Amino acid sequence: MVSVENLIELIATKVLISGVYNYSLYERLYTLPGQTLLNVKQVMENHIRVDKISMIKQEHLCFHP
């Protein structure tokens, strides 16, 4: 994304959002005001972080020593 010459940000943002398979994340990105690559990237990184924390908590609850 950073190294693409003559990147048209609006098109790149729309393509990036259209490739999201998680419906709740897609819906959040699609309705995001000010859809810039930076905003989309921040929302996606936050979603991944929350998802990882949720998985860790779930693994911890399922672990029985």
N, C-alpha and C. Protein backbone atom coordinates (compact mmCIF):
# COMPACT_ATOMS: atom_id res chain seq x y z
N MET A 1 0.83 -1.18 0.00
CA MET A 1 0.00 0.00 0.00
C MET A 1 0.87 1.25 0.00
N VAL A 2 1.96 1.23 0.76
CA VAL A 2 2.81 2.40 0.86
C VAL A 2 3.71 2.55 -0.36
N SER A 3 4.11 1.43 -0.96
CA SER A 3 5.08 1.50 -2.05
C SER A 3 4.46 1.54 -3.44
N VAL A 4 3.16 1.62 -3.55
CA VAL A 4 2.51 1.66 -4.86
C VAL A 4 2.56 3.09 -5.39
N GLU A 5 3.18 3.25 -6.54
CA GLU A 5 3.25 4.57 -7.15
C GLU A 5 1.90 4.95 -7.73
N ASN A 6 1.55 6.23 -7.63
CA ASN A 6 0.32 6.78 -8.19
C ASN A 6 -0.93 6.07 -7.66
N LEU A 7 -0.87 5.68 -6.40
CA LEU A 7 -2.01 5.01 -5.77
C LEU A 7 -3.17 5.99 -5.64
N ILE A 8 -4.32 5.61 -6.12
CA ILE A 8 -5.52 6.43 -5.96
C ILE A 8 -6.18 5.96 -4.67
N GLU A 9 -6.06 6.79 -3.62
CA GLU A 9 -6.47 6.38 -2.29
C GLU A 9 -7.94 5.98 -2.20
N LEU A 10 -8.81 6.71 -2.84
CA LEU A 10 -10.24 6.40 -2.79
C LEU A 10 -10.51 5.00 -3.33
N ILE A 11 -9.92 4.67 -4.47
CA ILE A 11 -10.13 3.35 -5.07
C ILE A 11 -9.49 2.27 -4.21
N ALA A 12 -8.29 2.52 -3.71
CA ALA A 12 -7.61 1.53 -2.86
C ALA A 12 -8.41 1.26 -1.60
N THR A 13 -8.98 2.31 -1.02
CA THR A 13 -9.78 2.15 0.19
C THR A 13 -11.02 1.31 -0.08
N LYS A 14 -11.72 1.60 -1.16
CA LYS A 14 -12.94 0.84 -1.51
C LYS A 14 -12.60 -0.64 -1.78
N VAL A 15 -11.50 -0.89 -2.47
CA VAL A 15 -11.09 -2.27 -2.77
C VAL A 15 -10.73 -3.00 -1.48
N LEU A 16 -10.00 -2.32 -0.61
CA LEU A 16 -9.62 -2.92 0.67
C LEU A 16 -10.85 -3.30 1.48
N ILE A 17 -11.81 -2.41 1.57
CA ILE A 17 -13.04 -2.67 2.33
C ILE A 17 -13.83 -3.81 1.69
N SER A 18 -13.89 -3.84 0.37
CA SER A 18 -14.69 -4.88 -0.31
C SER A 18 -14.11 -6.28 -0.11
N GLY A 19 -12.84 -6.37 0.28
CA GLY A 19 -12.21 -7.67 0.51
C GLY A 19 -12.39 -8.21 1.92
N VAL A 20 -13.09 -7.48 2.77
CA VAL A 20 -13.29 -7.91 4.16
C VAL A 20 -14.44 -8.91 4.22
N TYR A 21 -14.19 -10.08 4.82
CA TYR A 21 -15.21 -11.12 4.89
C TYR A 21 -16.02 -11.10 6.18
N ASN A 22 -15.47 -10.52 7.24
CA ASN A 22 -16.19 -10.42 8.50
C ASN A 22 -17.26 -9.34 8.34
N TYR A 23 -18.52 -9.74 8.45
CA TYR A 23 -19.61 -8.80 8.14
C TYR A 23 -19.65 -7.61 9.07
N SER A 24 -19.46 -7.82 10.36
CA SER A 24 -19.52 -6.70 11.30
C SER A 24 -18.39 -5.70 11.04
N LEU A 25 -17.20 -6.20 10.72
CA LEU A 25 -16.09 -5.32 10.38
C LEU A 25 -16.35 -4.62 9.05
N TYR A 26 -16.87 -5.35 8.07
CA TYR A 26 -17.19 -4.76 6.77
C TYR A 26 -18.20 -3.63 6.94
N GLU A 27 -19.24 -3.89 7.71
CA GLU A 27 -20.28 -2.88 7.92
C GLU A 27 -19.71 -1.64 8.61
N ARG A 28 -18.86 -1.86 9.59
CA ARG A 28 -18.24 -0.73 10.29
C ARG A 28 -17.35 0.09 9.34
N LEU A 29 -16.57 -0.60 8.51
CA LEU A 29 -15.69 0.11 7.56
C LEU A 29 -16.50 0.81 6.48
N TYR A 30 -17.54 0.14 6.00
CA TYR A 30 -18.36 0.70 4.92
C TYR A 30 -19.05 1.99 5.35
N THR A 31 -19.45 2.05 6.61
CA THR A 31 -20.16 3.24 7.11
C THR A 31 -19.23 4.23 7.81
N LEU A 32 -17.94 3.97 7.77
CA LEU A 32 -16.96 4.82 8.42
C LEU A 32 -16.93 6.20 7.76
N PRO A 33 -17.15 7.25 8.54
CA PRO A 33 -17.04 8.59 7.95
C PRO A 33 -15.57 8.91 7.69
N GLY A 34 -15.30 9.55 6.60
CA GLY A 34 -13.92 9.89 6.25
C GLY A 34 -13.09 8.66 5.95
N GLN A 35 -13.55 7.88 4.98
CA GLN A 35 -12.87 6.64 4.62
C GLN A 35 -11.53 6.96 3.96
N THR A 36 -10.48 6.99 4.76
CA THR A 36 -9.13 7.12 4.22
C THR A 36 -8.40 5.82 4.54
N LEU A 37 -7.32 5.58 3.84
CA LEU A 37 -6.56 4.37 4.12
C LEU A 37 -6.11 4.32 5.58
N LEU A 38 -5.72 5.47 6.11
CA LEU A 38 -5.27 5.51 7.49
C LEU A 38 -6.41 5.17 8.45
N ASN A 39 -7.60 5.73 8.24
CA ASN A 39 -8.75 5.43 9.10
C ASN A 39 -9.14 3.96 9.02
N VAL A 40 -9.17 3.43 7.81
CA VAL A 40 -9.52 2.02 7.61
C VAL A 40 -8.49 1.12 8.29
N LYS A 41 -7.22 1.45 8.13
CA LYS A 41 -6.15 0.67 8.75
C LYS A 41 -6.28 0.68 10.27
N GLN A 42 -6.59 1.83 10.85
CA GLN A 42 -6.73 1.93 12.31
C GLN A 42 -7.90 1.08 12.81
N VAL A 43 -9.02 1.13 12.11
CA VAL A 43 -10.19 0.34 12.51
C VAL A 43 -9.87 -1.15 12.39
N MET A 44 -9.21 -1.55 11.31
CA MET A 44 -8.87 -2.96 11.11
C MET A 44 -7.88 -3.44 12.18
N GLU A 45 -6.87 -2.64 12.49
CA GLU A 45 -5.91 -3.02 13.52
C GLU A 45 -6.58 -3.15 14.88
N ASN A 46 -7.50 -2.26 15.20
CA ASN A 46 -8.23 -2.34 16.46
C ASN A 46 -9.08 -3.60 16.50
N HIS A 47 -9.73 -3.92 15.40
CA HIS A 47 -10.56 -5.12 15.32
C HIS A 47 -9.71 -6.37 15.53
N ILE A 48 -8.54 -6.42 14.91
CA ILE A 48 -7.65 -7.57 15.06
C ILE A 48 -7.18 -7.68 16.50
N ARG A 49 -6.84 -6.55 17.12
CA ARG A 49 -6.37 -6.54 18.51
C ARG A 49 -7.46 -7.08 19.44
N VAL A 50 -8.68 -6.60 19.27
CA VAL A 50 -9.80 -7.04 20.11
C VAL A 50 -10.08 -8.52 19.88
N ASP A 51 -10.00 -8.96 18.63
CA ASP A 51 -10.24 -10.37 18.30
C ASP A 51 -9.18 -11.26 18.96
N LYS A 52 -7.93 -10.84 18.93
CA LYS A 52 -6.85 -11.62 19.55
C LYS A 52 -7.06 -11.70 21.06
N ILE A 53 -7.43 -10.59 21.69
CA ILE A 53 -7.68 -10.60 23.14
C ILE A 53 -8.83 -11.54 23.47
N SER A 54 -9.87 -11.51 22.67
CA SER A 54 -11.02 -12.38 22.87
C SER A 54 -10.61 -13.85 22.76
N MET A 55 -9.78 -14.17 21.78
CA MET A 55 -9.31 -15.56 21.60
C MET A 55 -8.47 -16.01 22.79
N ILE A 56 -7.60 -15.12 23.27
CA ILE A 56 -6.75 -15.46 24.42
C ILE A 56 -7.61 -15.72 25.65
N LYS A 57 -8.60 -14.87 25.88
CA LYS A 57 -9.49 -15.06 27.02
C LYS A 57 -10.25 -16.37 26.90
N GLN A 58 -10.70 -16.68 25.69
CA GLN A 58 -11.47 -17.91 25.48
C GLN A 58 -10.58 -19.13 25.71
N GLU A 59 -9.33 -19.08 25.24
CA GLU A 59 -8.41 -20.19 25.46
C GLU A 59 -8.14 -20.36 26.95
N HIS A 60 -8.00 -19.26 27.66
CA HIS A 60 -7.75 -19.31 29.09
C HIS A 60 -8.92 -19.95 29.82
N LEU A 61 -10.15 -19.65 29.42
CA LEU A 61 -11.32 -20.22 30.07
C LEU A 61 -11.46 -21.71 29.77
N CYS A 62 -10.98 -22.13 28.60
CA CYS A 62 -11.10 -23.53 28.21
C CYS A 62 -9.97 -24.40 28.77
N PHE A 63 -8.91 -23.77 29.26
CA PHE A 63 -7.75 -24.49 29.79
C PHE A 63 -8.03 -24.98 31.20
N HIS A 64 -7.95 -26.28 31.39
CA HIS A 64 -8.18 -26.86 32.71
C HIS A 64 -6.94 -27.69 33.07
N PRO A 65 -6.09 -27.17 34.00
CA PRO A 65 -4.86 -27.91 34.37
C PRO A 65 -5.14 -29.19 35.12
